[in-house]
Amino acid sequence: GWRGLVNDPDMSGTFRINHGLRCARRLLLSAASLGLPTATDFRDTIMPQYLADLTSYSAFDLASASPYLITELASGLSMAVGVRVPGDSEAGSAQAERAVSRAVSAAKSARDPHVFLSVSKENLAGIVHTAGNDQCHVVLSGDSARP
């Protein structure tokens, strides 16, 4: 599938990421100039260095990202962050309980400081120290059959 505006701005599989970053910033700046809050799904620890200053909210899907990546990233974002629980589990099932437990653990862990390798504000590889994010929470998702 399509990897998104930043990764493939031309929807052609050419992955002109630098062009995609500029397009995304222009779009977010336009929204900000209108007073519109914005949200995104950051999927790595690098992208927020370029877009977090124009983003109001972020959410992560435990099914598509490592809980470690989510907690490291969320702990350093200065915005509310939701950890989505996949809605494809039968309510009350052991699978659903494990998914909720993983999301709660990730949200709680993101409240603590973390240290990890990423890109610095000077665009150099470096060690990032985060302060923790007390705005991290769990988002319960439905599916096509129920809310």
N, C-alpha and C. Protein backbone atom coordinates (compact mmCIF):
# COMPACT_ATOMS: atom_id res chain seq x y z
N GLY A 1 0.81 -1.20 0.00
CA GLY A 1 0.00 0.00 0.00
C GLY A 1 0.85 1.25 0.00
N TRP A 2 0.16 2.36 -0.11
CA TRP A 2 0.81 3.66 -0.13
C TRP A 2 1.42 3.96 1.23
N ARG A 3 2.62 4.45 1.26
CA ARG A 3 3.34 4.73 2.50
C ARG A 3 3.08 6.12 3.06
N GLY A 4 2.30 6.95 2.39
CA GLY A 4 1.95 8.26 2.92
C GLY A 4 2.66 9.39 2.20
N LEU A 5 2.20 10.61 2.52
CA LEU A 5 2.69 11.81 1.85
C LEU A 5 4.19 12.00 1.97
N VAL A 6 4.73 11.82 3.16
CA VAL A 6 6.16 12.06 3.34
C VAL A 6 6.98 11.03 2.58
N ASN A 7 6.63 9.76 2.70
CA ASN A 7 7.44 8.70 2.09
C ASN A 7 7.27 8.60 0.58
N ASP A 8 6.10 8.89 0.06
CA ASP A 8 5.86 8.74 -1.38
C ASP A 8 4.90 9.83 -1.85
N PRO A 9 5.36 11.09 -1.91
CA PRO A 9 4.46 12.21 -2.20
C PRO A 9 3.81 12.16 -3.58
N ASP A 10 4.42 11.48 -4.52
CA ASP A 10 3.87 11.41 -5.88
C ASP A 10 2.99 10.18 -6.08
N MET A 11 2.87 9.35 -5.05
CA MET A 11 2.10 8.10 -5.13
C MET A 11 2.56 7.26 -6.32
N SER A 12 3.88 7.23 -6.52
CA SER A 12 4.44 6.56 -7.69
C SER A 12 5.47 5.50 -7.34
N GLY A 13 5.72 5.32 -6.05
CA GLY A 13 6.75 4.37 -5.65
C GLY A 13 8.16 4.91 -5.80
N THR A 14 8.31 6.22 -6.06
CA THR A 14 9.64 6.80 -6.23
C THR A 14 10.27 7.23 -4.91
N PHE A 15 9.49 7.36 -3.86
CA PHE A 15 9.97 7.67 -2.51
C PHE A 15 10.86 8.90 -2.47
N ARG A 16 10.34 10.00 -2.98
CA ARG A 16 11.04 11.29 -2.93
C ARG A 16 10.78 11.92 -1.56
N ILE A 17 11.44 11.39 -0.55
CA ILE A 17 11.16 11.73 0.84
C ILE A 17 11.45 13.19 1.14
N ASN A 18 12.52 13.75 0.63
CA ASN A 18 12.81 15.17 0.88
C ASN A 18 11.68 16.05 0.35
N HIS A 19 11.18 15.73 -0.84
CA HIS A 19 10.04 16.45 -1.41
C HIS A 19 8.80 16.24 -0.53
N GLY A 20 8.60 15.01 -0.07
CA GLY A 20 7.46 14.71 0.80
C GLY A 20 7.49 15.47 2.10
N LEU A 21 8.68 15.62 2.69
CA LEU A 21 8.81 16.41 3.93
C LEU A 21 8.42 17.86 3.69
N ARG A 22 8.88 18.43 2.57
CA ARG A 22 8.52 19.82 2.26
C ARG A 22 7.02 19.95 2.03
N CYS A 23 6.42 19.00 1.32
CA CYS A 23 4.96 19.03 1.08
C CYS A 23 4.20 18.93 2.40
N ALA A 24 4.62 18.03 3.26
CA ALA A 24 3.94 17.85 4.55
C ALA A 24 4.04 19.10 5.40
N ARG A 25 5.21 19.72 5.44
CA ARG A 25 5.36 20.96 6.23
C ARG A 25 4.48 22.07 5.67
N ARG A 26 4.43 22.20 4.33
CA ARG A 26 3.57 23.22 3.73
C ARG A 26 2.11 22.98 4.09
N LEU A 27 1.67 21.74 4.02
CA LEU A 27 0.29 21.39 4.37
C LEU A 27 0.00 21.70 5.83
N LEU A 28 0.90 21.31 6.72
CA LEU A 28 0.71 21.57 8.15
C LEU A 28 0.77 23.07 8.46
N LEU A 29 1.64 23.80 7.78
CA LEU A 29 1.70 25.26 7.97
C LEU A 29 0.40 25.91 7.51
N SER A 30 -0.16 25.44 6.41
CA SER A 30 -1.45 25.97 5.93
C SER A 30 -2.55 25.73 6.95
N ALA A 31 -2.58 24.52 7.50
CA ALA A 31 -3.58 24.21 8.53
C ALA A 31 -3.39 25.10 9.75
N ALA A 32 -2.14 25.27 10.17
CA ALA A 32 -1.85 26.11 11.34
C ALA A 32 -2.27 27.56 11.10
N SER A 33 -2.07 28.05 9.88
CA SER A 33 -2.43 29.44 9.58
C SER A 33 -3.95 29.65 9.66
N LEU A 34 -4.71 28.56 9.51
CA LEU A 34 -6.16 28.62 9.63
C LEU A 34 -6.62 28.34 11.06
N GLY A 35 -5.69 28.05 11.94
CA GLY A 35 -6.04 27.74 13.32
C GLY A 35 -6.53 26.32 13.51
N LEU A 36 -6.28 25.45 12.54
CA LEU A 36 -6.74 24.06 12.63
C LEU A 36 -5.71 23.19 13.34
N PRO A 37 -6.12 22.45 14.35
CA PRO A 37 -5.19 21.48 14.94
C PRO A 37 -4.98 20.33 13.96
N THR A 38 -3.83 19.69 14.05
CA THR A 38 -3.51 18.59 13.15
C THR A 38 -3.12 17.35 13.96
N ALA A 39 -3.27 16.20 13.34
CA ALA A 39 -2.90 14.93 13.98
C ALA A 39 -2.19 14.06 12.95
N THR A 40 -1.33 13.20 13.44
CA THR A 40 -0.64 12.26 12.55
C THR A 40 -0.31 11.00 13.31
N ASP A 41 0.15 10.03 12.58
CA ASP A 41 0.59 8.76 13.13
C ASP A 41 2.08 8.66 12.85
N PHE A 42 2.91 9.16 13.78
CA PHE A 42 4.35 9.05 13.60
C PHE A 42 4.73 7.58 13.69
N ARG A 43 5.56 7.10 12.77
CA ARG A 43 5.89 5.68 12.74
C ARG A 43 7.37 5.41 12.99
N ASP A 44 8.13 6.44 13.28
CA ASP A 44 9.54 6.24 13.60
C ASP A 44 9.97 7.39 14.50
N THR A 45 11.20 7.34 14.99
CA THR A 45 11.68 8.36 15.91
C THR A 45 12.35 9.53 15.20
N ILE A 46 12.36 9.51 13.87
CA ILE A 46 13.01 10.58 13.10
C ILE A 46 12.01 11.63 12.63
N MET A 47 10.89 11.21 12.11
CA MET A 47 9.90 12.13 11.51
C MET A 47 9.47 13.27 12.45
N PRO A 48 9.27 13.01 13.75
CA PRO A 48 8.85 14.11 14.62
C PRO A 48 9.83 15.28 14.66
N GLN A 49 11.11 15.02 14.39
CA GLN A 49 12.08 16.12 14.35
C GLN A 49 11.71 17.17 13.31
N TYR A 50 10.99 16.74 12.27
CA TYR A 50 10.64 17.62 11.17
C TYR A 50 9.20 18.13 11.23
N LEU A 51 8.31 17.42 11.92
CA LEU A 51 6.89 17.76 11.85
C LEU A 51 6.19 17.99 13.19
N ALA A 52 6.80 17.62 14.29
CA ALA A 52 6.11 17.69 15.59
C ALA A 52 5.74 19.12 15.98
N ASP A 53 6.52 20.11 15.54
CA ASP A 53 6.22 21.49 15.92
C ASP A 53 4.91 21.99 15.30
N LEU A 54 4.41 21.28 14.29
CA LEU A 54 3.16 21.67 13.63
C LEU A 54 2.04 20.64 13.85
N THR A 55 2.26 19.72 14.78
CA THR A 55 1.29 18.64 15.02
C THR A 55 0.73 18.77 16.43
N SER A 56 -0.60 18.63 16.54
CA SER A 56 -1.29 18.78 17.82
C SER A 56 -1.50 17.46 18.55
N TYR A 57 -1.60 16.37 17.81
CA TYR A 57 -1.95 15.08 18.39
C TYR A 57 -1.35 13.97 17.55
N SER A 58 -0.98 12.89 18.20
CA SER A 58 -0.48 11.73 17.48
C SER A 58 -1.07 10.47 18.10
N ALA A 59 -1.26 9.46 17.28
CA ALA A 59 -1.74 8.18 17.76
C ALA A 59 -0.90 7.08 17.13
N PHE A 60 -0.77 5.98 17.85
CA PHE A 60 0.02 4.84 17.39
C PHE A 60 -0.84 3.60 17.45
N ASP A 61 -0.65 2.74 16.50
CA ASP A 61 -1.37 1.47 16.46
C ASP A 61 -0.41 0.38 16.89
N LEU A 62 -0.73 -0.30 17.97
CA LEU A 62 0.16 -1.36 18.46
C LEU A 62 0.35 -2.48 17.44
N ALA A 63 -0.59 -2.63 16.52
CA ALA A 63 -0.47 -3.69 15.52
C ALA A 63 0.57 -3.37 14.47
N SER A 64 0.93 -2.09 14.31
CA SER A 64 1.86 -1.72 13.24
C SER A 64 3.20 -1.19 13.73
N ALA A 65 3.41 -1.14 15.04
CA ALA A 65 4.67 -0.61 15.55
C ALA A 65 5.08 -1.35 16.82
N SER A 66 6.35 -1.36 17.07
CA SER A 66 6.89 -1.98 18.27
C SER A 66 6.48 -1.18 19.50
N PRO A 67 6.07 -1.85 20.57
CA PRO A 67 5.74 -1.11 21.80
C PRO A 67 6.93 -0.29 22.30
N TYR A 68 8.16 -0.79 22.09
CA TYR A 68 9.35 -0.04 22.52
C TYR A 68 9.48 1.25 21.73
N LEU A 69 9.29 1.17 20.42
CA LEU A 69 9.34 2.36 19.58
C LEU A 69 8.28 3.37 20.00
N ILE A 70 7.07 2.88 20.24
CA ILE A 70 5.97 3.75 20.66
C ILE A 70 6.30 4.46 21.96
N THR A 71 6.77 3.73 22.95
CA THR A 71 7.03 4.36 24.25
C THR A 71 8.19 5.34 24.17
N GLU A 72 9.23 5.00 23.42
CA GLU A 72 10.36 5.92 23.28
C GLU A 72 9.90 7.21 22.59
N LEU A 73 9.22 7.06 21.49
CA LEU A 73 8.77 8.22 20.74
C LEU A 73 7.76 9.04 21.53
N ALA A 74 6.75 8.40 22.06
CA ALA A 74 5.70 9.11 22.80
C ALA A 74 6.26 9.84 24.02
N SER A 75 7.30 9.29 24.63
CA SER A 75 7.86 9.91 25.83
C SER A 75 8.53 11.25 25.53
N GLY A 76 8.86 11.49 24.25
CA GLY A 76 9.54 12.72 23.89
C GLY A 76 8.66 13.73 23.17
N LEU A 77 7.44 13.36 22.83
CA LEU A 77 6.55 14.29 22.12
C LEU A 77 5.88 15.24 23.10
N SER A 78 5.78 16.50 22.72
CA SER A 78 5.12 17.49 23.58
C SER A 78 3.69 17.71 23.09
N MET A 79 2.93 16.62 23.04
CA MET A 79 1.54 16.64 22.61
C MET A 79 0.85 15.42 23.21
N ALA A 80 -0.45 15.42 23.19
CA ALA A 80 -1.19 14.23 23.60
C ALA A 80 -0.92 13.11 22.60
N VAL A 81 -0.76 11.89 23.12
CA VAL A 81 -0.47 10.74 22.29
C VAL A 81 -1.40 9.60 22.69
N GLY A 82 -2.09 9.04 21.69
CA GLY A 82 -2.96 7.90 21.94
C GLY A 82 -2.31 6.61 21.47
N VAL A 83 -2.44 5.56 22.26
CA VAL A 83 -1.99 4.23 21.87
C VAL A 83 -3.25 3.44 21.54
N ARG A 84 -3.45 3.15 20.25
CA ARG A 84 -4.67 2.48 19.80
C ARG A 84 -4.60 0.98 20.04
N VAL A 85 -5.71 0.46 20.55
CA VAL A 85 -5.88 -0.98 20.69
C VAL A 85 -6.62 -1.47 19.46
N PRO A 86 -6.08 -2.44 18.74
CA PRO A 86 -6.79 -2.94 17.55
C PRO A 86 -8.19 -3.42 17.91
N GLY A 87 -9.16 -3.11 17.05
CA GLY A 87 -10.55 -3.46 17.32
C GLY A 87 -10.97 -4.78 16.74
N ASP A 88 -10.01 -5.61 16.31
CA ASP A 88 -10.38 -6.85 15.65
C ASP A 88 -10.47 -8.04 16.60
N SER A 89 -10.37 -7.80 17.90
CA SER A 89 -10.47 -8.89 18.87
C SER A 89 -11.89 -8.94 19.43
N GLU A 90 -12.34 -10.13 19.73
CA GLU A 90 -13.66 -10.30 20.35
C GLU A 90 -13.61 -9.73 21.76
N ALA A 91 -14.52 -8.80 22.07
CA ALA A 91 -14.55 -8.17 23.39
C ALA A 91 -14.58 -9.25 24.47
N GLY A 92 -13.76 -9.09 25.49
CA GLY A 92 -13.72 -10.03 26.60
C GLY A 92 -12.83 -11.24 26.35
N SER A 93 -12.32 -11.40 25.13
CA SER A 93 -11.46 -12.55 24.83
C SER A 93 -10.08 -12.34 25.43
N ALA A 94 -9.35 -13.43 25.53
CA ALA A 94 -7.98 -13.35 26.04
C ALA A 94 -7.13 -12.48 25.13
N GLN A 95 -7.36 -12.56 23.81
CA GLN A 95 -6.61 -11.74 22.85
C GLN A 95 -6.88 -10.25 23.09
N ALA A 96 -8.14 -9.89 23.31
CA ALA A 96 -8.50 -8.49 23.56
C ALA A 96 -7.88 -8.01 24.87
N GLU A 97 -7.92 -8.85 25.88
CA GLU A 97 -7.33 -8.47 27.17
C GLU A 97 -5.83 -8.25 27.05
N ARG A 98 -5.14 -9.09 26.28
CA ARG A 98 -3.69 -8.91 26.07
C ARG A 98 -3.42 -7.61 25.32
N ALA A 99 -4.24 -7.31 24.31
CA ALA A 99 -4.05 -6.08 23.53
C ALA A 99 -4.24 -4.85 24.41
N VAL A 100 -5.26 -4.85 25.24
CA VAL A 100 -5.49 -3.72 26.14
C VAL A 100 -4.35 -3.61 27.15
N SER A 101 -3.92 -4.74 27.68
CA SER A 101 -2.81 -4.74 28.64
C SER A 101 -1.54 -4.17 28.01
N ARG A 102 -1.24 -4.56 26.77
CA ARG A 102 -0.05 -4.03 26.07
C ARG A 102 -0.16 -2.52 25.87
N ALA A 103 -1.36 -2.05 25.50
CA ALA A 103 -1.56 -0.61 25.28
C ALA A 103 -1.40 0.17 26.58
N VAL A 104 -1.98 -0.35 27.65
CA VAL A 104 -1.85 0.32 28.96
C VAL A 104 -0.39 0.37 29.37
N SER A 105 0.33 -0.74 29.20
CA SER A 105 1.76 -0.77 29.55
C SER A 105 2.55 0.25 28.73
N ALA A 106 2.25 0.33 27.43
CA ALA A 106 2.96 1.29 26.56
C ALA A 106 2.66 2.72 27.00
N ALA A 107 1.38 3.02 27.28
CA ALA A 107 1.01 4.38 27.69
C ALA A 107 1.67 4.74 29.03
N LYS A 108 1.70 3.81 29.95
CA LYS A 108 2.33 4.07 31.25
C LYS A 108 3.83 4.25 31.10
N SER A 109 4.46 3.42 30.27
CA SER A 109 5.90 3.52 30.06
C SER A 109 6.29 4.84 29.41
N ALA A 110 5.44 5.35 28.54
CA ALA A 110 5.74 6.62 27.85
C ALA A 110 5.74 7.80 28.81
N ARG A 111 5.18 7.63 29.99
CA ARG A 111 5.20 8.71 30.98
C ARG A 111 6.57 8.88 31.61
N ASP A 112 7.43 7.88 31.46
CA ASP A 112 8.76 7.91 32.05
C ASP A 112 9.78 8.44 31.04
N PRO A 113 10.90 8.98 31.51
CA PRO A 113 11.97 9.39 30.60
C PRO A 113 12.57 8.18 29.88
N HIS A 114 13.03 8.38 28.67
CA HIS A 114 13.67 7.33 27.88
C HIS A 114 14.94 7.89 27.24
N VAL A 115 15.83 7.01 26.83
CA VAL A 115 17.05 7.37 26.12
C VAL A 115 17.16 6.41 24.94
N PHE A 116 17.37 6.96 23.73
CA PHE A 116 17.46 6.12 22.54
C PHE A 116 18.20 6.84 21.43
N LEU A 117 18.60 6.09 20.42
CA LEU A 117 19.29 6.63 19.25
C LEU A 117 18.28 7.20 18.28
N SER A 118 18.53 8.41 17.81
CA SER A 118 17.67 9.03 16.81
C SER A 118 18.47 10.11 16.09
N VAL A 119 17.77 11.07 15.52
CA VAL A 119 18.39 12.18 14.83
C VAL A 119 18.19 13.43 15.69
N SER A 120 19.27 14.18 15.87
CA SER A 120 19.21 15.39 16.68
C SER A 120 18.60 16.54 15.88
N LYS A 121 18.34 17.64 16.55
CA LYS A 121 17.82 18.82 15.85
C LYS A 121 18.82 19.38 14.85
N GLU A 122 20.07 18.99 14.98
CA GLU A 122 21.11 19.41 14.03
C GLU A 122 21.24 18.41 12.89
N ASN A 123 20.31 17.45 12.80
CA ASN A 123 20.30 16.42 11.76
C ASN A 123 21.47 15.46 11.85
N LEU A 124 21.96 15.23 13.04
CA LEU A 124 23.05 14.28 13.27
C LEU A 124 22.52 13.11 14.09
N ALA A 125 23.05 11.93 13.85
CA ALA A 125 22.69 10.79 14.69
C ALA A 125 23.18 11.09 16.10
N GLY A 126 22.34 10.79 17.05
CA GLY A 126 22.73 11.08 18.42
C GLY A 126 21.82 10.40 19.43
N ILE A 127 22.19 10.54 20.67
CA ILE A 127 21.42 9.97 21.76
C ILE A 127 20.36 11.00 22.17
N VAL A 128 19.12 10.55 22.21
CA VAL A 128 18.00 11.43 22.59
C VAL A 128 17.58 11.08 24.01
N HIS A 129 17.44 12.10 24.84
CA HIS A 129 16.95 11.94 26.21
C HIS A 129 15.57 12.61 26.26
N THR A 130 14.56 11.87 26.68
CA THR A 130 13.22 12.43 26.77
C THR A 130 12.82 12.64 28.22
N ALA A 131 11.83 13.48 28.43
CA ALA A 131 11.37 13.79 29.78
C ALA A 131 10.18 12.94 30.21
N GLY A 132 9.57 12.24 29.27
CA GLY A 132 8.34 11.51 29.56
C GLY A 132 7.15 12.35 29.14
N ASN A 133 6.03 11.71 28.91
CA ASN A 133 4.83 12.39 28.40
C ASN A 133 3.64 11.99 29.26
N ASP A 134 3.16 12.92 30.08
CA ASP A 134 2.02 12.60 30.94
C ASP A 134 0.68 12.73 30.22
N GLN A 135 0.72 13.00 28.91
CA GLN A 135 -0.51 13.08 28.12
C GLN A 135 -0.76 11.83 27.27
N CYS A 136 -0.03 10.76 27.55
CA CYS A 136 -0.20 9.53 26.79
C CYS A 136 -1.39 8.76 27.35
N HIS A 137 -2.21 8.21 26.47
CA HIS A 137 -3.43 7.52 26.88
C HIS A 137 -3.74 6.38 25.91
N VAL A 138 -4.72 5.56 26.27
CA VAL A 138 -5.13 4.42 25.46
C VAL A 138 -6.38 4.81 24.67
N VAL A 139 -6.42 4.39 23.40
CA VAL A 139 -7.59 4.61 22.53
C VAL A 139 -8.16 3.24 22.19
N LEU A 140 -9.40 2.99 22.59
CA LEU A 140 -10.06 1.73 22.26
C LEU A 140 -10.76 1.88 20.93
N SER A 141 -10.45 1.02 19.98
CA SER A 141 -11.01 1.10 18.63
C SER A 141 -12.08 0.02 18.45
N GLY A 142 -13.06 0.35 17.63
CA GLY A 142 -14.05 -0.64 17.23
C GLY A 142 -13.61 -1.29 15.94
N ASP A 143 -14.52 -2.02 15.33
CA ASP A 143 -14.26 -2.60 14.02
C ASP A 143 -15.50 -2.42 13.16
N SER A 144 -15.56 -3.09 12.03
CA SER A 144 -16.68 -2.88 11.11
C SER A 144 -18.01 -3.41 11.67
N ALA A 145 -17.97 -4.27 12.69
CA ALA A 145 -19.19 -4.86 13.22
C ALA A 145 -19.72 -4.15 14.45
N ARG A 146 -18.85 -3.42 15.15
CA ARG A 146 -19.29 -2.79 16.41
C ARG A 146 -18.38 -1.60 16.71
N PRO A 147 -18.88 -0.67 17.54
CA PRO A 147 -18.07 0.50 17.88
C PRO A 147 -16.88 0.13 18.76
